């Protein structure tokens, strides 16, 4: 097996994860069983975490994409509070990503989709109330979906990034 095959396969799957192993084998000039084995190795190693689609969020009824930054107090980093935060985040399926981090004087981020500005505002207010003892500041960057877009959201763009 070519040593670069896993990387090539991953790039092809980033372009379109719906492709069959037969189609991928043809594109990469190897046998279909080789592709199947390589895909399974990528999955088992954790290099492929899941297969998903990127829908048209506006057609799904979402008007707002919010990137919310939170300045958290250091106590939130305790294992118990981190577990509470995970459980809290799990209650909100519209929040597609939440994590600690650093930047802009903030220590956490939440990326979420909302049907409208009112729904977004209600969720942020709920966050302010529920976590008032562990947050110092909450700020958001709110995006009207489909307006002002310079580059469409797609993980397919990563196919051209060296890794």
C-alpha atoms as a PDB file:
ATOM      1  CA  UNK A   1       0.000   0.000   0.000  1.00  0.00           C
ATOM      2  CA  UNK A   2       1.262   3.449  -0.873  1.00  0.00           C
ATOM      3  CA  UNK A   3       2.251   5.321   2.258  1.00  0.00           C
ATOM      4  CA  UNK A   4       0.465   8.477   1.070  1.00  0.00           C
ATOM      5  CA  UNK A   5      -2.796   6.610   0.357  1.00  0.00           C
ATOM      6  CA  UNK A   6      -4.473   7.402   3.726  1.00  0.00           C
ATOM      7  CA  UNK A   7      -3.863  11.124   3.175  1.00  0.00           C
ATOM      8  CA  UNK A   8      -5.078  10.953  -0.425  1.00  0.00           C
ATOM      9  CA  UNK A   9      -8.184   9.046   0.650  1.00  0.00           C
ATOM     10  CA  UNK A  10      -8.906  11.577   3.371  1.00  0.00           C
ATOM     11  CA  UNK A  11      -8.641  14.411   0.830  1.00  0.00           C
ATOM     12  CA  UNK A  12     -11.054  12.627  -1.506  1.00  0.00           C
ATOM     13  CA  UNK A  13     -13.504  12.083   1.354  1.00  0.00           C
ATOM     14  CA  UNK A  14     -13.256  15.757   2.311  1.00  0.00           C
ATOM     15  CA  UNK A  15     -14.352  16.613  -1.223  1.00  0.00           C
ATOM     16  CA  UNK A  16     -17.309  14.235  -1.021  1.00  0.00           C
ATOM     17  CA  UNK A  17     -17.734  11.663   1.763  1.00  0.00           C
ATOM     18  CA  UNK A  18     -20.703  10.148  -0.046  1.00  0.00           C
ATOM     19  CA  UNK A  19     -18.521   8.525  -2.719  1.00  0.00           C
ATOM     20  CA  UNK A  20     -18.413   4.744  -2.861  1.00  0.00           C
ATOM     21  CA  UNK A  21     -15.244   2.789  -2.167  1.00  0.00           C
ATOM     22  CA  UNK A  22     -15.350   1.637  -5.791  1.00  0.00           C
ATOM     23  CA  UNK A  23     -15.391   5.223  -7.064  1.00  0.00           C
ATOM     24  CA  UNK A  24     -12.618   6.218  -4.649  1.00  0.00           C
ATOM     25  CA  UNK A  25     -10.511   3.223  -5.732  1.00  0.00           C
ATOM     26  CA  UNK A  26     -10.864   4.257  -9.367  1.00  0.00           C
ATOM     27  CA  UNK A  27      -9.875   7.862  -8.588  1.00  0.00           C
ATOM     28  CA  UNK A  28      -6.850   6.794  -6.523  1.00  0.00           C
ATOM     29  CA  UNK A  29      -5.870   3.928  -8.861  1.00  0.00           C
ATOM     30  CA  UNK A  30      -5.981   1.152  -6.255  1.00  0.00           C
ATOM     31  CA  UNK A  31      -8.333  -1.756  -5.610  1.00  0.00           C
ATOM     32  CA  UNK A  32     -11.677  -1.340  -3.871  1.00  0.00           C
ATOM     33  CA  UNK A  33     -10.640  -3.678  -0.976  1.00  0.00           C
ATOM     34  CA  UNK A  34      -7.545  -1.492  -0.426  1.00  0.00           C
ATOM     35  CA  UNK A  35      -9.776   1.575  -0.106  1.00  0.00           C
ATOM     36  CA  UNK A  36     -12.135  -0.247   2.276  1.00  0.00           C
ATOM     37  CA  UNK A  37      -9.217  -1.369   4.497  1.00  0.00           C
ATOM     38  CA  UNK A  38      -7.669   2.117   4.445  1.00  0.00           C
ATOM     39  CA  UNK A  39     -10.998   3.771   5.296  1.00  0.00           C
ATOM     40  CA  UNK A  40     -11.500   1.373   8.223  1.00  0.00           C
ATOM     41  CA  UNK A  41      -7.986   2.138   9.505  1.00  0.00           C
ATOM     42  CA  UNK A  42      -8.700   5.879   9.315  1.00  0.00           C
ATOM     43  CA  UNK A  43     -11.947   5.368  11.229  1.00  0.00           C
ATOM     44  CA  UNK A  44     -10.377   3.104  13.857  1.00  0.00           C
ATOM     45  CA  UNK A  45      -7.466   5.509  14.434  1.00  0.00           C
ATOM     46  CA  UNK A  46      -9.883   8.407  14.969  1.00  0.00           C
ATOM     47  CA  UNK A  47      -8.676  10.314  11.895  1.00  0.00           C
ATOM     48  CA  UNK A  48     -12.281  10.073  10.614  1.00  0.00           C
ATOM     49  CA  UNK A  49     -14.651  10.893  13.451  1.00  0.00           C
ATOM     50  CA  UNK A  50     -17.958  10.875  11.590  1.00  0.00           C
ATOM     51  CA  UNK A  51     -19.561  11.312   8.212  1.00  0.00           C
ATOM     52  CA  UNK A  52     -22.032  14.133   7.824  1.00  0.00           C
ATOM     53  CA  UNK A  53     -23.521  16.585   5.370  1.00  0.00           C
ATOM     54  CA  UNK A  54     -23.390  20.344   5.209  1.00  0.00           C
ATOM     55  CA  UNK A  55     -26.952  21.424   4.472  1.00  0.00           C
ATOM     56  CA  UNK A  56     -28.267  24.731   3.273  1.00  0.00           C
ATOM     57  CA  UNK A  57     -28.817  26.253   6.714  1.00  0.00           C
ATOM     58  CA  UNK A  58     -31.120  28.991   5.404  1.00  0.00           C
ATOM     59  CA  UNK A  59     -33.397  26.409   3.761  1.00  0.00           C
ATOM     60  CA  UNK A  60     -33.459  24.550   7.090  1.00  0.00           C
ATOM     61  CA  UNK A  61     -34.997  27.686   8.591  1.00  0.00           C
ATOM     62  CA  UNK A  62     -31.969  29.204  10.293  1.00  0.00           C
ATOM     63  CA  UNK A  63     -31.471  32.956   9.895  1.00  0.00           C
ATOM     64  CA  UNK A  64     -28.642  33.460  12.394  1.00  0.00           C
ATOM     65  CA  UNK A  65     -25.223  31.932  12.975  1.00  0.00           C
ATOM     66  CA  UNK A  66     -23.745  33.159  16.254  1.00  0.00           C
ATOM     67  CA  UNK A  67     -20.197  32.883  17.478  1.00  0.00           C
ATOM     68  CA  UNK A  68     -20.445  33.650  21.165  1.00  0.00           C
ATOM     69  CA  UNK A  69     -17.347  34.380  23.220  1.00  0.00           C
ATOM     70  CA  UNK A  70     -17.373  33.942  26.980  1.00  0.00           C
ATOM     71  CA  UNK A  71     -14.903  35.192  29.553  1.00  0.00           C
ATOM     72  CA  UNK A  72     -15.085  32.522  32.221  1.00  0.00           C
ATOM     73  CA  UNK A  73     -13.727  32.604  35.729  1.00  0.00           C
ATOM     74  CA  UNK A  74     -10.890  30.133  36.428  1.00  0.00           C
ATOM     75  CA  UNK A  75     -13.171  27.966  38.597  1.00  0.00           C
ATOM     76  CA  UNK A  76     -14.906  26.685  35.470  1.00  0.00           C
ATOM     77  CA  UNK A  77     -11.828  24.642  34.657  1.00  0.00           C
ATOM     78  CA  UNK A  78     -12.413  22.324  37.624  1.00  0.00           C
ATOM     79  CA  UNK A  79     -13.350  18.794  36.474  1.00  0.00           C
ATOM     80  CA  UNK A  80     -16.750  19.006  38.166  1.00  0.00           C
ATOM     81  CA  UNK A  81     -17.675  22.327  36.525  1.00  0.00           C
ATOM     82  CA  UNK A  82     -16.343  21.176  33.140  1.00  0.00           C
ATOM     83  CA  UNK A  83     -18.673  18.156  33.362  1.00  0.00           C
ATOM     84  CA  UNK A  84     -21.599  20.442  34.258  1.00  0.00           C
ATOM     85  CA  UNK A  85     -20.739  22.615  31.232  1.00  0.00           C
ATOM     86  CA  UNK A  86     -20.708  19.533  28.947  1.00  0.00           C
ATOM     87  CA  UNK A  87     -24.144  18.488  30.220  1.00  0.00           C
ATOM     88  CA  UNK A  88     -25.472  22.031  29.830  1.00  0.00           C
ATOM     89  CA  UNK A  89     -24.142  22.297  26.248  1.00  0.00           C
ATOM     90  CA  UNK A  90     -25.739  18.939  25.375  1.00  0.00           C
ATOM     91  CA  UNK A  91     -29.182  20.446  26.080  1.00  0.00           C
ATOM     92  CA  UNK A  92     -28.834  22.773  23.088  1.00  0.00           C
ATOM     93  CA  UNK A  93     -28.670  20.923  19.754  1.00  0.00           C
ATOM     94  CA  UNK A  94     -28.488  24.237  17.903  1.00  0.00           C
ATOM     95  CA  UNK A  95     -25.037  24.773  19.504  1.00  0.00           C
ATOM     96  CA  UNK A  96     -22.777  22.812  17.163  1.00  0.00           C
ATOM     97  CA  UNK A  97     -19.511  23.527  18.999  1.00  0.00           C
ATOM     98  CA  UNK A  98     -18.518  24.698  22.485  1.00  0.00           C
ATOM     99  CA  UNK A  99     -15.022  24.789  23.941  1.00  0.00           C
ATOM    100  CA  UNK A 100     -12.581  26.536  26.203  1.00  0.00           C
ATOM    101  CA  UNK A 101      -9.819  28.487  24.504  1.00  0.00           C
ATOM    102  CA  UNK A 102      -8.052  31.831  24.505  1.00  0.00           C
ATOM    103  CA  UNK A 103      -8.288  35.003  22.460  1.00  0.00           C
ATOM    104  CA  UNK A 104      -9.763  38.486  22.464  1.00  0.00           C
ATOM    105  CA  UNK A 105      -9.597  38.364  26.263  1.00  0.00           C
ATOM    106  CA  UNK A 106     -12.119  35.516  26.245  1.00  0.00           C
ATOM    107  CA  UNK A 107     -11.746  31.929  27.438  1.00  0.00           C
ATOM    108  CA  UNK A 108     -14.606  30.085  25.754  1.00  0.00           C
ATOM    109  CA  UNK A 109     -16.555  29.930  22.517  1.00  0.00           C
ATOM    110  CA  UNK A 110     -19.938  28.624  21.372  1.00  0.00           C
ATOM    111  CA  UNK A 111     -20.981  28.331  17.732  1.00  0.00           C
ATOM    112  CA  UNK A 112     -24.733  28.055  17.253  1.00  0.00           C
ATOM    113  CA  UNK A 113     -27.536  28.337  14.709  1.00  0.00           C
ATOM    114  CA  UNK A 114     -30.824  30.114  15.443  1.00  0.00           C
ATOM    115  CA  UNK A 115     -34.192  30.432  13.698  1.00  0.00           C
ATOM    116  CA  UNK A 116     -34.209  34.188  14.281  1.00  0.00           C
ATOM    117  CA  UNK A 117     -32.673  36.963  16.354  1.00  0.00           C
ATOM    118  CA  UNK A 118     -35.267  36.617  19.118  1.00  0.00           C
ATOM    119  CA  UNK A 119     -34.397  32.953  19.653  1.00  0.00           C
ATOM    120  CA  UNK A 120     -30.680  33.804  19.671  1.00  0.00           C
ATOM    121  CA  UNK A 121     -31.236  36.594  22.202  1.00  0.00           C
ATOM    122  CA  UNK A 122     -33.251  34.287  24.486  1.00  0.00           C
ATOM    123  CA  UNK A 123     -30.488  31.642  24.450  1.00  0.00           C
ATOM    124  CA  UNK A 124     -27.776  34.178  25.269  1.00  0.00           C
ATOM    125  CA  UNK A 125     -29.871  35.598  28.106  1.00  0.00           C
ATOM    126  CA  UNK A 126     -30.420  32.080  29.439  1.00  0.00           C
ATOM    127  CA  UNK A 127     -26.655  31.498  29.315  1.00  0.00           C
ATOM    128  CA  UNK A 128     -26.065  34.757  31.204  1.00  0.00           C
ATOM    129  CA  UNK A 129     -28.533  33.744  33.933  1.00  0.00           C
ATOM    130  CA  UNK A 130     -27.547  30.070  34.235  1.00  0.00           C
ATOM    131  CA  UNK A 131     -23.790  30.724  34.342  1.00  0.00           C
ATOM    132  CA  UNK A 132     -23.734  34.178  35.996  1.00  0.00           C
ATOM    133  CA  UNK A 133     -21.524  32.963  38.852  1.00  0.00           C
ATOM    134  CA  UNK A 134     -18.839  31.605  36.513  1.00  0.00           C
ATOM    135  CA  UNK A 135     -18.767  34.161  33.686  1.00  0.00           C
ATOM    136  CA  UNK A 136     -17.521  37.721  33.642  1.00  0.00           C
ATOM    137  CA  UNK A 137     -18.465  38.675  30.093  1.00  0.00           C
ATOM    138  CA  UNK A 138     -20.368  37.335  27.075  1.00  0.00           C
ATOM    139  CA  UNK A 139     -20.051  38.797  23.584  1.00  0.00           C
ATOM    140  CA  UNK A 140     -21.273  37.534  20.226  1.00  0.00           C
ATOM    141  CA  UNK A 141     -20.542  37.939  16.567  1.00  0.00           C
ATOM    142  CA  UNK A 142     -23.892  37.437  14.827  1.00  0.00           C
ATOM    143  CA  UNK A 143     -24.103  36.507  11.155  1.00  0.00           C
ATOM    144  CA  UNK A 144     -27.214  36.767   8.981  1.00  0.00           C
ATOM    145  CA  UNK A 145     -27.022  33.483   7.071  1.00  0.00           C
ATOM    146  CA  UNK A 146     -26.702  33.959   3.334  1.00  0.00           C
ATOM    147  CA  UNK A 147     -25.779  37.643   3.527  1.00  0.00           C
ATOM    148  CA  UNK A 148     -22.282  39.022   3.095  1.00  0.00           C
ATOM    149  CA  UNK A 149     -20.751  35.602   2.577  1.00  0.00           C
ATOM    150  CA  UNK A 150     -17.304  35.575   0.956  1.00  0.00           C
ATOM    151  CA  UNK A 151     -16.641  31.849   1.141  1.00  0.00           C
ATOM    152  CA  UNK A 152     -19.216  29.116   1.600  1.00  0.00           C
ATOM    153  CA  UNK A 153     -18.845  27.004   4.762  1.00  0.00           C
ATOM    154  CA  UNK A 154     -17.425  23.642   3.758  1.00  0.00           C
ATOM    155  CA  UNK A 155     -14.921  21.204   5.175  1.00  0.00           C
ATOM    156  CA  UNK A 156     -14.095  20.402   1.550  1.00  0.00           C
ATOM    157  CA  UNK A 157     -11.814  23.443   1.503  1.00  0.00           C
ATOM    158  CA  UNK A 158      -9.437  21.499   3.755  1.00  0.00           C
ATOM    159  CA  UNK A 159      -8.592  19.120   0.910  1.00  0.00           C
ATOM    160  CA  UNK A 160      -6.027  21.671  -0.297  1.00  0.00           C
ATOM    161  CA  UNK A 161      -4.397  22.312   3.090  1.00  0.00           C
ATOM    162  CA  UNK A 162      -1.167  20.410   3.780  1.00  0.00           C
ATOM    163  CA  UNK A 163      -1.422  17.985   6.697  1.00  0.00           C
END
